[in-house]
Amino acid sequence: MNILIRLIITTILVVVLAHFLPGISVQDYTSALWVALVLGILNAFLKPILILLTLPATIFTLGLFLLVINAVVILVGDYLVDGFLVDGFWSAFIFSILLSLSQSVMNGIFISEK
């Protein structure tokens, strides 16, 4: 049940952030749902590989390079989902930061950990 709630939260946040951020656009709610699914899959499989490959850079920057990895995951999601468009790296960077922060807040409000 928590996975479904997280998916709905991410879908809504993608739509809201795309509405307010220049450089990010989502065609419709179906595309936003696909973005949420693809980002979840990429965060589960691709992100750990990227973290492992860039571990020296992550350690050297005291973890700040993880923000770059998040932006790269967003750009890969842009490539995979047709109705989701990201203009460039900086748009993906800002989108990933705002999405992570808002997901953290919303998941804390709506999901109860037992």
PDB file of N, CA and C in Angstrom:
ATOM      1  N   MET A   1       0.822  -1.196   0.000  1.00  0.00           N
ATOM      2  CA  MET A   1       0.000   0.000   0.000  1.00  0.00           C
ATOM      3  C   MET A   1       0.866   1.260   0.000  1.00  0.00           C
ATOM      4  N   ASN A   2       1.985   1.206   0.765  1.00  0.00           N
ATOM      5  CA  ASN A   2       2.870   2.369   0.815  1.00  0.00           C
ATOM      6  C   ASN A   2       3.473   2.682  -0.543  1.00  0.00           C
ATOM      7  N   ILE A   3       3.736   1.665  -1.345  1.00  0.00           N
ATOM      8  CA  ILE A   3       4.312   1.890  -2.674  1.00  0.00           C
ATOM      9  C   ILE A   3       3.312   2.636  -3.550  1.00  0.00           C
ATOM     10  N   LEU A   4       2.048   2.274  -3.463  1.00  0.00           N
ATOM     11  CA  LEU A   4       1.015   2.953  -4.246  1.00  0.00           C
ATOM     12  C   LEU A   4       0.872   4.410  -3.811  1.00  0.00           C
ATOM     13  N   ILE A   5       0.920   4.655  -2.507  1.00  0.00           N
ATOM     14  CA  ILE A   5       0.825   6.026  -2.011  1.00  0.00           C
ATOM     15  C   ILE A   5       2.030   6.841  -2.462  1.00  0.00           C
ATOM     16  N   ARG A   6       3.221   6.258  -2.403  1.00  0.00           N
ATOM     17  CA  ARG A   6       4.431   6.951  -2.862  1.00  0.00           C
ATOM     18  C   ARG A   6       4.353   7.258  -4.360  1.00  0.00           C
ATOM     19  N   LEU A   7       3.805   6.337  -5.122  1.00  0.00           N
ATOM     20  CA  LEU A   7       3.660   6.537  -6.558  1.00  0.00           C
ATOM     21  C   LEU A   7       2.692   7.691  -6.859  1.00  0.00           C
ATOM     22  N   ILE A   8       1.590   7.736  -6.145  1.00  0.00           N
ATOM     23  CA  ILE A   8       0.617   8.815  -6.326  1.00  0.00           C
ATOM     24  C   ILE A   8       1.218  10.154  -5.908  1.00  0.00           C
ATOM     25  N   ILE A   9       1.941  10.170  -4.792  1.00  0.00           N
ATOM     26  CA  ILE A   9       2.584  11.405  -4.328  1.00  0.00           C
ATOM     27  C   ILE A   9       3.584  11.900  -5.367  1.00  0.00           C
ATOM     28  N   THR A  10       4.404  10.999  -5.880  1.00  0.00           N
ATOM     29  CA  THR A  10       5.400  11.394  -6.875  1.00  0.00           C
ATOM     30  C   THR A  10       4.740  11.888  -8.147  1.00  0.00           C
ATOM     31  N   THR A  11       3.672  11.240  -8.570  1.00  0.00           N
ATOM     32  CA  THR A  11       2.949  11.668  -9.773  1.00  0.00           C
ATOM     33  C   THR A  11       2.415  13.088  -9.606  1.00  0.00           C
ATOM     34  N   ILE A  12       1.791  13.358  -8.487  1.00  0.00           N
ATOM     35  CA  ILE A  12       1.241  14.691  -8.236  1.00  0.00           C
ATOM     36  C   ILE A  12       2.358  15.733  -8.162  1.00  0.00           C
ATOM     37  N   LEU A  13       3.456  15.382  -7.507  1.00  0.00           N
ATOM     38  CA  LEU A  13       4.561  16.329  -7.391  1.00  0.00           C
ATOM     39  C   LEU A  13       5.217  16.612  -8.736  1.00  0.00           C
ATOM     40  N   VAL A  14       5.300  15.611  -9.598  1.00  0.00           N
ATOM     41  CA  VAL A  14       5.854  15.831 -10.935  1.00  0.00           C
ATOM     42  C   VAL A  14       4.987  16.824 -11.703  1.00  0.00           C
ATOM     43  N   VAL A  15       3.685  16.679 -11.617  1.00  0.00           N
ATOM     44  CA  VAL A  15       2.776  17.598 -12.309  1.00  0.00           C
ATOM     45  C   VAL A  15       2.903  19.009 -11.742  1.00  0.00           C
ATOM     46  N   VAL A  16       2.921  19.133 -10.428  1.00  0.00           N
ATOM     47  CA  VAL A  16       3.006  20.448  -9.790  1.00  0.00           C
ATOM     48  C   VAL A  16       4.339  21.128 -10.112  1.00  0.00           C
ATOM     49  N   LEU A  17       5.435  20.400  -9.986  1.00  0.00           N
ATOM     50  CA  LEU A  17       6.743  20.990 -10.266  1.00  0.00           C
ATOM     51  C   LEU A  17       6.896  21.355 -11.741  1.00  0.00           C
ATOM     52  N   ALA A  18       6.347  20.529 -12.614  1.00  0.00           N
ATOM     53  CA  ALA A  18       6.418  20.848 -14.045  1.00  0.00           C
ATOM     54  C   ALA A  18       5.614  22.100 -14.369  1.00  0.00           C
ATOM     55  N   HIS A  19       4.568  22.330 -13.606  1.00  0.00           N
ATOM     56  CA  HIS A  19       3.756  23.534 -13.825  1.00  0.00           C
ATOM     57  C   HIS A  19       4.505  24.801 -13.418  1.00  0.00           C
ATOM     58  N   PHE A  20       5.305  24.721 -12.354  1.00  0.00           N
ATOM     59  CA  PHE A  20       5.964  25.906 -11.822  1.00  0.00           C
ATOM     60  C   PHE A  20       7.392  26.112 -12.313  1.00  0.00           C
ATOM     61  N   LEU A  21       8.079  25.067 -12.705  1.00  0.00           N
ATOM     62  CA  LEU A  21       9.482  25.202 -13.114  1.00  0.00           C
ATOM     63  C   LEU A  21       9.606  25.413 -14.620  1.00  0.00           C
ATOM     64  N   PRO A  22      10.339  26.425 -15.019  1.00  0.00           N
ATOM     65  CA  PRO A  22      10.622  26.550 -16.458  1.00  0.00           C
ATOM     66  C   PRO A  22      11.633  25.481 -16.863  1.00  0.00           C
ATOM     67  N   GLY A  23      11.479  24.948 -18.038  1.00  0.00           N
ATOM     68  CA  GLY A  23      12.392  23.924 -18.518  1.00  0.00           C
ATOM     69  C   GLY A  23      11.934  22.510 -18.261  1.00  0.00           C
ATOM     70  N   ILE A  24      10.840  22.345 -17.534  1.00  0.00           N
ATOM     71  CA  ILE A  24      10.269  21.028 -17.246  1.00  0.00           C
ATOM     72  C   ILE A  24       8.841  21.041 -17.750  1.00  0.00           C
ATOM     73  N   SER A  25       8.474  20.021 -18.530  1.00  0.00           N
ATOM     74  CA  SER A  25       7.083  19.940 -18.972  1.00  0.00           C
ATOM     75  C   SER A  25       6.631  18.485 -18.991  1.00  0.00           C
ATOM     76  N   VAL A  26       5.377  18.317 -18.623  1.00  0.00           N
ATOM     77  CA  VAL A  26       4.728  17.007 -18.628  1.00  0.00           C
ATOM     78  C   VAL A  26       3.476  17.144 -19.472  1.00  0.00           C
ATOM     79  N   GLN A  27       3.299  16.234 -20.403  1.00  0.00           N
ATOM     80  CA  GLN A  27       2.192  16.323 -21.347  1.00  0.00           C
ATOM     81  C   GLN A  27       0.837  16.148 -20.665  1.00  0.00           C
ATOM     82  N   ASP A  28       0.699  15.117 -19.842  1.00  0.00           N
ATOM     83  CA  ASP A  28      -0.572  14.849 -19.166  1.00  0.00           C
ATOM     84  C   ASP A  28      -0.308  14.023 -17.912  1.00  0.00           C
ATOM     85  N   TYR A  29      -1.392  13.639 -17.224  1.00  0.00           N
ATOM     86  CA  TYR A  29      -1.258  12.883 -15.988  1.00  0.00           C
ATOM     87  C   TYR A  29      -0.729  11.475 -16.232  1.00  0.00           C
ATOM     88  N   THR A  30      -1.041  10.904 -17.371  1.00  0.00           N
ATOM     89  CA  THR A  30      -0.518   9.575 -17.702  1.00  0.00           C
ATOM     90  C   THR A  30       1.001   9.626 -17.849  1.00  0.00           C
ATOM     91  N   SER A  31       1.494  10.666 -18.499  1.00  0.00           N
ATOM     92  CA  SER A  31       2.946  10.826 -18.621  1.00  0.00           C
ATOM     93  C   SER A  31       3.584  11.020 -17.251  1.00  0.00           C
ATOM     94  N   ALA A  32       2.920  11.764 -16.380  1.00  0.00           N
ATOM     95  CA  ALA A  32       3.445  11.974 -15.031  1.00  0.00           C
ATOM     96  C   ALA A  32       3.492  10.660 -14.256  1.00  0.00           C
ATOM     97  N   LEU A  33       2.484   9.811 -14.456  1.00  0.00           N
ATOM     98  CA  LEU A  33       2.493   8.497 -13.810  1.00  0.00           C
ATOM     99  C   LEU A  33       3.651   7.657 -14.335  1.00  0.00           C
ATOM    100  N   TRP A  34       3.888   7.704 -15.652  1.00  0.00           N
ATOM    101  CA  TRP A  34       5.012   6.973 -16.231  1.00  0.00           C
ATOM    102  C   TRP A  34       6.339   7.520 -15.711  1.00  0.00           C
ATOM    103  N   VAL A  35       6.429   8.835 -15.544  1.00  0.00           N
ATOM    104  CA  VAL A  35       7.648   9.438 -14.994  1.00  0.00           C
ATOM    105  C   VAL A  35       7.891   8.917 -13.583  1.00  0.00           C
ATOM    106  N   ALA A  36       6.844   8.868 -12.773  1.00  0.00           N
ATOM    107  CA  ALA A  36       6.989   8.374 -11.407  1.00  0.00           C
ATOM    108  C   ALA A  36       7.440   6.914 -11.391  1.00  0.00           C
ATOM    109  N   LEU A  37       6.850   6.091 -12.264  1.00  0.00           N
ATOM    110  CA  LEU A  37       7.249   4.686 -12.339  1.00  0.00           C
ATOM    111  C   LEU A  37       8.691   4.530 -12.803  1.00  0.00           C
ATOM    112  N   VAL A  38       9.052   5.247 -13.864  1.00  0.00           N
ATOM    113  CA  VAL A  38      10.402   5.136 -14.419  1.00  0.00           C
ATOM    114  C   VAL A  38      11.433   5.652 -13.422  1.00  0.00           C
ATOM    115  N   LEU A  39      11.146   6.758 -12.744  1.00  0.00           N
ATOM    116  CA  LEU A  39      12.091   7.267 -11.755  1.00  0.00           C
ATOM    117  C   LEU A  39      12.266   6.296 -10.593  1.00  0.00           C
ATOM    118  N   GLY A  40      11.185   5.651 -10.197  1.00  0.00           N
ATOM    119  CA  GLY A  40      11.290   4.637  -9.147  1.00  0.00           C
ATOM    120  C   GLY A  40      12.170   3.470  -9.561  1.00  0.00           C
ATOM    121  N   ILE A  41      12.000   3.009 -10.791  1.00  0.00           N
ATOM    122  CA  ILE A  41      12.810   1.898 -11.300  1.00  0.00           C
ATOM    123  C   ILE A  41      14.273   2.327 -11.452  1.00  0.00           C
ATOM    124  N   LEU A  42      14.486   3.526 -12.002  1.00  0.00           N
ATOM    125  CA  LEU A  42      15.860   4.015 -12.172  1.00  0.00           C
ATOM    126  C   LEU A  42      16.545   4.224 -10.827  1.00  0.00           C
ATOM    127  N   ASN A  43      15.816   4.718  -9.845  1.00  0.00           N
ATOM    128  CA  ASN A  43      16.399   4.900  -8.518  1.00  0.00           C
ATOM    129  C   ASN A  43      16.724   3.566  -7.854  1.00  0.00           C
ATOM    130  N   ALA A  44      15.994   2.529  -8.212  1.00  0.00           N
ATOM    131  CA  ALA A  44      16.248   1.209  -7.627  1.00  0.00           C
ATOM    132  C   ALA A  44      17.417   0.491  -8.296  1.00  0.00           C
ATOM    133  N   PHE A  45      17.589   0.671  -9.604  1.00  0.00           N
ATOM    134  CA  PHE A  45      18.583  -0.119 -10.323  1.00  0.00           C
ATOM    135  C   PHE A  45      19.773   0.692 -10.836  1.00  0.00           C
ATOM    136  N   LEU A  46      19.527   1.825 -11.469  1.00  0.00           N
ATOM    137  CA  LEU A  46      20.614   2.595 -12.079  1.00  0.00           C
ATOM    138  C   LEU A  46      21.382   3.434 -11.056  1.00  0.00           C
ATOM    139  N   LYS A  47      20.673   4.051 -10.134  1.00  0.00           N
ATOM    140  CA  LYS A  47      21.316   4.953  -9.180  1.00  0.00           C
ATOM    141  C   LYS A  47      22.377   4.263  -8.322  1.00  0.00           C
ATOM    142  N   PRO A  48      22.143   3.055  -7.798  1.00  0.00           N
ATOM    143  CA  PRO A  48      23.214   2.406  -7.027  1.00  0.00           C
ATOM    144  C   PRO A  48      24.469   2.118  -7.862  1.00  0.00           C
ATOM    145  N   ILE A  49      24.282   1.797  -9.129  1.00  0.00           N
ATOM    146  CA  ILE A  49      25.435   1.560 -10.002  1.00  0.00           C
ATOM    147  C   ILE A  49      26.206   2.856 -10.208  1.00  0.00           C
ATOM    148  N   LEU A  50      25.485   3.951 -10.460  1.00  0.00           N
ATOM    149  CA  LEU A  50      26.140   5.246 -10.634  1.00  0.00           C
ATOM    150  C   LEU A  50      26.858   5.687  -9.361  1.00  0.00           C
ATOM    151  N   ILE A  51      26.262   5.442  -8.224  1.00  0.00           N
ATOM    152  CA  ILE A  51      26.898   5.802  -6.958  1.00  0.00           C
ATOM    153  C   ILE A  51      28.186   5.013  -6.770  1.00  0.00           C
ATOM    154  N   LEU A  52      28.144   3.740  -7.086  1.00  0.00           N
ATOM    155  CA  LEU A  52      29.339   2.910  -6.948  1.00  0.00           C
ATOM    156  C   LEU A  52      30.449   3.362  -7.898  1.00  0.00           C
ATOM    157  N   LEU A  53      30.075   3.689  -9.132  1.00  0.00           N
ATOM    158  CA  LEU A  53      31.070   4.103 -10.118  1.00  0.00           C
ATOM    159  C   LEU A  53      31.679   5.476  -9.809  1.00  0.00           C
ATOM    160  N   THR A  54      30.918   6.323  -9.155  1.00  0.00           N
ATOM    161  CA  THR A  54      31.399   7.676  -8.866  1.00  0.00           C
ATOM    162  C   THR A  54      31.727   7.860  -7.386  1.00  0.00           C
ATOM    163  N   LEU A  55      32.010   6.789  -6.696  1.00  0.00           N
ATOM    164  CA  LEU A  55      32.284   6.862  -5.262  1.00  0.00           C
ATOM    165  C   LEU A  55      33.442   7.804  -4.913  1.00  0.00           C
ATOM    166  N   PRO A  56      34.563   7.789  -5.649  1.00  0.00           N
ATOM    167  CA  PRO A  56      35.629   8.748  -5.299  1.00  0.00           C
ATOM    168  C   PRO A  56      35.183  10.210  -5.410  1.00  0.00           C
ATOM    169  N   ALA A  57      34.425  10.540  -6.447  1.00  0.00           N
ATOM    170  CA  ALA A  57      33.938  11.914  -6.597  1.00  0.00           C
ATOM    171  C   ALA A  57      32.947  12.258  -5.490  1.00  0.00           C
ATOM    172  N   THR A  58      32.134  11.305  -5.106  1.00  0.00           N
ATOM    173  CA  THR A  58      31.155  11.530  -4.041  1.00  0.00           C
ATOM    174  C   THR A  58      31.862  11.759  -2.706  1.00  0.00           C
ATOM    175  N   ILE A  59      32.882  10.972  -2.428  1.00  0.00           N
ATOM    176  CA  ILE A  59      33.626  11.150  -1.181  1.00  0.00           C
ATOM    177  C   ILE A  59      34.369  12.479  -1.198  1.00  0.00           C
ATOM    178  N   PHE A  60      34.997  12.815  -2.321  1.00  0.00           N
ATOM    179  CA  PHE A  60      35.765  14.055  -2.425  1.00  0.00           C
ATOM    180  C   PHE A  60      34.878  15.285  -2.244  1.00  0.00           C
ATOM    181  N   THR A  61      33.653  15.235  -2.731  1.00  0.00           N
ATOM    182  CA  THR A  61      32.737  16.375  -2.610  1.00  0.00           C
ATOM    183  C   THR A  61      31.842  16.280  -1.376  1.00  0.00           C
ATOM    184  N   LEU A  62      32.152  15.329  -0.509  1.00  0.00           N
ATOM    185  CA  LEU A  62      31.392  15.123   0.729  1.00  0.00           C
ATOM    186  C   LEU A  62      29.915  14.850   0.468  1.00  0.00           C
ATOM    187  N   GLY A  63      29.629  14.117  -0.586  1.00  0.00           N
ATOM    188  CA  GLY A  63      28.274  13.692  -0.904  1.00  0.00           C
ATOM    189  C   GLY A  63      27.510  14.595  -1.840  1.00  0.00           C
ATOM    190  N   LEU A  64      28.050  15.768  -2.147  1.00  0.00           N
ATOM    191  CA  LEU A  64      27.325  16.688  -3.023  1.00  0.00           C
ATOM    192  C   LEU A  64      27.209  16.175  -4.450  1.00  0.00           C
ATOM    193  N   PHE A  65      28.090  15.277  -4.842  1.00  0.00           N
ATOM    194  CA  PHE A  65      28.009  14.720  -6.196  1.00  0.00           C
ATOM    195  C   PHE A  65      26.754  13.871  -6.379  1.00  0.00           C
ATOM    196  N   LEU A  66      26.134  13.447  -5.284  1.00  0.00           N
ATOM    197  CA  LEU A  66      24.873  12.701  -5.376  1.00  0.00           C
ATOM    198  C   LEU A  66      23.776  13.547  -6.014  1.00  0.00           C
ATOM    199  N   LEU A  67      23.862  14.867  -5.870  1.00  0.00           N
ATOM    200  CA  LEU A  67      22.897  15.748  -6.532  1.00  0.00           C
ATOM    201  C   LEU A  67      23.049  15.673  -8.046  1.00  0.00           C
ATOM    202  N   VAL A  68      24.279  15.546  -8.507  1.00  0.00           N
ATOM    203  CA  VAL A  68      24.531  15.392  -9.935  1.00  0.00           C
ATOM    204  C   VAL A  68      23.982  14.056 -10.425  1.00  0.00           C
ATOM    205  N   ILE A  69      24.161  13.015  -9.628  1.00  0.00           N
ATOM    206  CA  ILE A  69      23.628  11.701  -9.996  1.00  0.00           C
ATOM    207  C   ILE A  69      22.110  11.753 -10.084  1.00  0.00           C
ATOM    208  N   ASN A  70      21.459  12.454  -9.159  1.00  0.00           N
ATOM    209  CA  ASN A  70      20.000  12.608  -9.224  1.00  0.00           C
ATOM    210  C   ASN A  70      19.581  13.313 -10.509  1.00  0.00           C
ATOM    211  N   ALA A  71      20.321  14.341 -10.895  1.00  0.00           N
ATOM    212  CA  ALA A  71      20.005  15.059 -12.136  1.00  0.00           C
ATOM    213  C   ALA A  71      20.189  14.157 -13.348  1.00  0.00           C
ATOM    214  N   VAL A  72      21.208  13.325 -13.336  1.00  0.00           N
ATOM    215  CA  VAL A  72      21.426  12.385 -14.439  1.00  0.00           C
ATOM    216  C   VAL A  72      20.285  11.378 -14.524  1.00  0.00           C
ATOM    217  N   VAL A  73      19.798  10.923 -13.380  1.00  0.00           N
ATOM    218  CA  VAL A  73      18.656   9.995 -13.370  1.00  0.00           C
ATOM    219  C   VAL A  73      17.421  10.680 -13.956  1.00  0.00           C
ATOM    220  N   ILE A  74      17.213  11.949 -13.649  1.00  0.00           N
ATOM    221  CA  ILE A  74      16.089  12.706 -14.226  1.00  0.00           C
ATOM    222  C   ILE A  74      16.247  12.811 -15.740  1.00  0.00           C
ATOM    223  N   LEU A  75      17.467  13.069 -16.204  1.00  0.00           N
ATOM    224  CA  LEU A  75      17.702  13.170 -17.648  1.00  0.00           C
ATOM    225  C   LEU A  75      17.490  11.834 -18.353  1.00  0.00           C
ATOM    226  N   VAL A  76      17.839  10.742 -17.709  1.00  0.00           N
ATOM    227  CA  VAL A  76      17.567   9.416 -18.286  1.00  0.00           C
ATOM    228  C   VAL A  76      16.059   9.179 -18.331  1.00  0.00           C
ATOM    229  N   GLY A  77      15.342   9.605 -17.292  1.00  0.00           N
ATOM    230  CA  GLY A  77      13.883   9.518 -17.301  1.00  0.00           C
ATOM    231  C   GLY A  77      13.273  10.337 -18.420  1.00  0.00           C
ATOM    232  N   ASP A  78      13.862  11.501 -18.698  1.00  0.00           N
ATOM    233  CA  ASP A  78      13.425  12.331 -19.823  1.00  0.00           C
ATOM    234  C   ASP A  78      13.597  11.582 -21.140  1.00  0.00           C
ATOM    235  N   TYR A  79      14.678  10.871 -21.263  1.00  0.00           N
ATOM    236  CA  TYR A  79      14.951  10.099 -22.483  1.00  0.00           C
ATOM    237  C   TYR A  79      13.966   8.938 -22.646  1.00  0.00           C
ATOM    238  N   LEU A  80      13.551   8.328 -21.551  1.00  0.00           N
ATOM    239  CA  LEU A  80      12.722   7.123 -21.613  1.00  0.00           C
ATOM    240  C   LEU A  80      11.219   7.403 -21.715  1.00  0.00           C
ATOM    241  N   VAL A  81      10.754   8.519 -21.188  1.00  0.00           N
ATOM    242  CA  VAL A  81       9.312   8.825 -21.174  1.00  0.00           C
ATOM    243  C   VAL A  81       9.030   9.899 -22.215  1.00  0.00           C
ATOM    244  N   ASP A  82       8.104   9.598 -23.121  1.00  0.00           N
ATOM    245  CA  ASP A  82       7.825  10.499 -24.237  1.00  0.00           C
ATOM    246  C   ASP A  82       7.190  11.826 -23.829  1.00  0.00           C
ATOM    247  N   GLY A  83       6.273  11.842 -22.907  1.00  0.00           N
ATOM    248  CA  GLY A  83       5.557  13.064 -22.567  1.00  0.00           C
ATOM    249  C   GLY A  83       6.238  13.910 -21.521  1.00  0.00           C
ATOM    250  N   PHE A  84       7.476  13.597 -21.179  1.00  0.00           N
ATOM    251  CA  PHE A  84       8.233  14.311 -20.147  1.00  0.00           C
ATOM    252  C   PHE A  84       9.449  14.950 -20.793  1.00  0.00           C
ATOM    253  N   LEU A  85       9.547  16.283 -20.700  1.00  0.00           N
ATOM    254  CA  LEU A  85      10.644  16.995 -21.343  1.00  0.00           C
ATOM    255  C   LEU A  85      11.410  17.837 -20.323  1.00  0.00           C
ATOM    256  N   VAL A  86      12.736  17.687 -20.359  1.00  0.00           N
ATOM    257  CA  VAL A  86      13.628  18.470 -19.513  1.00  0.00           C
ATOM    258  C   VAL A  86      14.575  19.203 -20.444  1.00  0.00           C
ATOM    259  N   ASP A  87      14.671  20.526 -20.295  1.00  0.00           N
ATOM    260  CA  ASP A  87      15.459  21.337 -21.222  1.00  0.00           C
ATOM    261  C   ASP A  87      16.955  21.125 -21.104  1.00  0.00           C
ATOM    262  N   GLY A  88      17.467  20.867 -19.941  1.00  0.00           N
ATOM    263  CA  GLY A  88      18.908  20.703 -19.805  1.00  0.00           C
ATOM    264  C   GLY A  88      19.292  20.233 -18.421  1.00  0.00           C
ATOM    265  N   PHE A  89      20.598  20.203 -18.194  1.00  0.00           N
ATOM    266  CA  PHE A  89      21.115  19.683 -16.928  1.00  0.00           C
ATOM    267  C   PHE A  89      20.642  20.512 -15.743  1.00  0.00           C
ATOM    268  N   TRP A  90      20.703  21.832 -15.846  1.00  0.00           N
ATOM    269  CA  TRP A  90      20.350  22.666 -14.702  1.00  0.00           C
ATOM    270  C   TRP A  90      18.870  22.572 -14.364  1.00  0.00           C
ATOM    271  N   SER A  91      18.032  22.421 -15.360  1.00  0.00           N
ATOM    272  CA  SER A  91      16.605  22.197 -15.090  1.00  0.00           C
ATOM    273  C   SER A  91      16.411  20.871 -14.364  1.00  0.00           C
ATOM    274  N   ALA A  92      17.117  19.842 -14.810  1.00  0.00           N
ATOM    275  CA  ALA A  92      17.036  18.534 -14.146  1.00  0.00           C
ATOM    276  C   ALA A  92      17.588  18.606 -12.726  1.00  0.00           C
ATOM    277  N   PHE A  93      18.645  19.371 -12.549  1.00  0.00           N
ATOM    278  CA  PHE A  93      19.274  19.526 -11.234  1.00  0.00           C
ATOM    279  C   PHE A  93      18.301  20.162 -10.239  1.00  0.00           C
ATOM    280  N   ILE A  94      17.698  21.275 -10.626  1.00  0.00           N
ATOM    281  CA  ILE A  94      16.748  21.962  -9.751  1.00  0.00           C
ATOM    282  C   ILE A  94      15.506  21.106  -9.516  1.00  0.00           C
ATOM    283  N   PHE A  95      15.022  20.456 -10.586  1.00  0.00           N
ATOM    284  CA  PHE A  95      13.853  19.583 -10.471  1.00  0.00           C
ATOM    285  C   PHE A  95      14.135  18.439  -9.497  1.00  0.00           C
ATOM    286  N   SER A  96      15.314  17.842  -9.584  1.00  0.00           N
ATOM    287  CA  SER A  96      15.624  16.706  -8.711  1.00  0.00           C
ATOM    288  C   SER A  96      15.718  17.140  -7.255  1.00  0.00           C
ATOM    289  N   ILE A  97      16.279  18.321  -6.996  1.00  0.00           N
ATOM    290  CA  ILE A  97      16.359  18.805  -5.621  1.00  0.00           C
ATOM    291  C   ILE A  97      14.965  19.073  -5.060  1.00  0.00           C
ATOM    292  N   LEU A  98      14.140  19.786  -5.827  1.00  0.00           N
ATOM    293  CA  LEU A  98      12.790  20.109  -5.354  1.00  0.00           C
ATOM    294  C   LEU A  98      11.919  18.864  -5.221  1.00  0.00           C
ATOM    295  N   LEU A  99      12.072  17.919  -6.145  1.00  0.00           N
ATOM    296  CA  LEU A  99      11.299  16.681  -6.061  1.00  0.00           C
ATOM    297  C   LEU A  99      11.701  15.874  -4.831  1.00  0.00           C
ATOM    298  N   SER A 100      12.980  15.777  -4.557  1.00  0.00           N
ATOM    299  CA  SER A 100      13.443  15.031  -3.389  1.00  0.00           C
ATOM    300  C   SER A 100      12.951  15.655  -2.089  1.00  0.00           C
ATOM    301  N   LEU A 101      13.059  16.968  -1.986  1.00  0.00           N
ATOM    302  CA  LEU A 101      12.601  17.646  -0.771  1.00  0.00           C
ATOM    303  C   LEU A 101      11.095  17.513  -0.575  1.00  0.00           C
ATOM    304  N   SER A 102      10.347  17.730  -1.646  1.00  0.00           N
ATOM    305  CA  SER A 102       8.890  17.654  -1.514  1.00  0.00           C
ATOM    306  C   SER A 102       8.421  16.213  -1.285  1.00  0.00           C
ATOM    307  N   GLN A 103       9.094  15.237  -1.874  1.00  0.00           N
ATOM    308  CA  GLN A 103       8.756  13.835  -1.601  1.00  0.00           C
ATOM    309  C   GLN A 103       9.004  13.502  -0.139  1.00  0.00           C
ATOM    310  N   SER A 104      10.087  13.990   0.392  1.00  0.00           N
ATOM    311  CA  SER A 104      10.414  13.728   1.788  1.00  0.00           C
ATOM    312  C   SER A 104       9.342  14.287   2.720  1.00  0.00           C
ATOM    313  N   VAL A 105       8.915  15.508   2.451  1.00  0.00           N
ATOM    314  CA  VAL A 105       7.883  16.130   3.279  1.00  0.00           C
ATOM    315  C   VAL A 105       6.549  15.390   3.132  1.00  0.00           C
ATOM    316  N   MET A 106       6.139  15.142   1.892  1.00  0.00           N
ATOM    317  CA  MET A 106       4.834  14.500   1.657  1.00  0.00           C
ATOM    318  C   MET A 106       4.805  13.060   2.160  1.00  0.00           C
ATOM    319  N   ASN A 107       5.885  12.326   1.982  1.00  0.00           N
ATOM    320  CA  ASN A 107       5.928  10.955   2.494  1.00  0.00           C
ATOM    321  C   ASN A 107       5.882  10.942   4.016  1.00  0.00           C
ATOM    322  N   GLY A 108       6.505  11.938   4.642  1.00  0.00           N
ATOM    323  CA  GLY A 108       6.436  12.040   6.093  1.00  0.00           C
ATOM    324  C   GLY A 108       5.032  12.332   6.591  1.00  0.00           C
ATOM    325  N   ILE A 109       4.268  13.066   5.793  1.00  0.00           N
ATOM    326  CA  ILE A 109       2.900  13.405   6.190  1.00  0.00           C
ATOM    327  C   ILE A 109       1.940  12.233   5.963  1.00  0.00           C
ATOM    328  N   PHE A 110       2.022  11.596   4.789  1.00  0.00           N
ATOM    329  CA  PHE A 110       0.996  10.637   4.398  1.00  0.00           C
ATOM    330  C   PHE A 110       1.339   9.171   4.644  1.00  0.00           C
ATOM    331  N   ILE A 111       2.576   8.842   4.886  1.00  0.00           N
ATOM    332  CA  ILE A 111       2.948   7.434   5.049  1.00  0.00           C
ATOM    333  C   ILE A 111       3.381   7.217   6.482  1.00  0.00           C
ATOM    334  N   SER A 112       2.722   6.248   7.123  1.00  0.00           N
ATOM    335  CA  SER A 112       3.076   5.913   8.498  1.00  0.00           C
ATOM    336  C   SER A 112       3.963   4.681   8.487  1.00  0.00           C
ATOM    337  N   GLU A 113       5.149   4.812   9.065  1.00  0.00           N
ATOM    338  CA  GLU A 113       6.075   3.684   9.166  1.00  0.00           C
ATOM    339  C   GLU A 113       5.765   2.945  10.450  1.00  0.00           C
ATOM    340  N   LYS A 114       5.551   1.645  10.327  1.00  0.00           N
ATOM    341  CA  LYS A 114       5.203   0.841  11.521  1.00  0.00           C
ATOM    342  C   LYS A 114       6.404   0.120  12.038  1.00  0.00           C
TER     343      LYS A 114
END
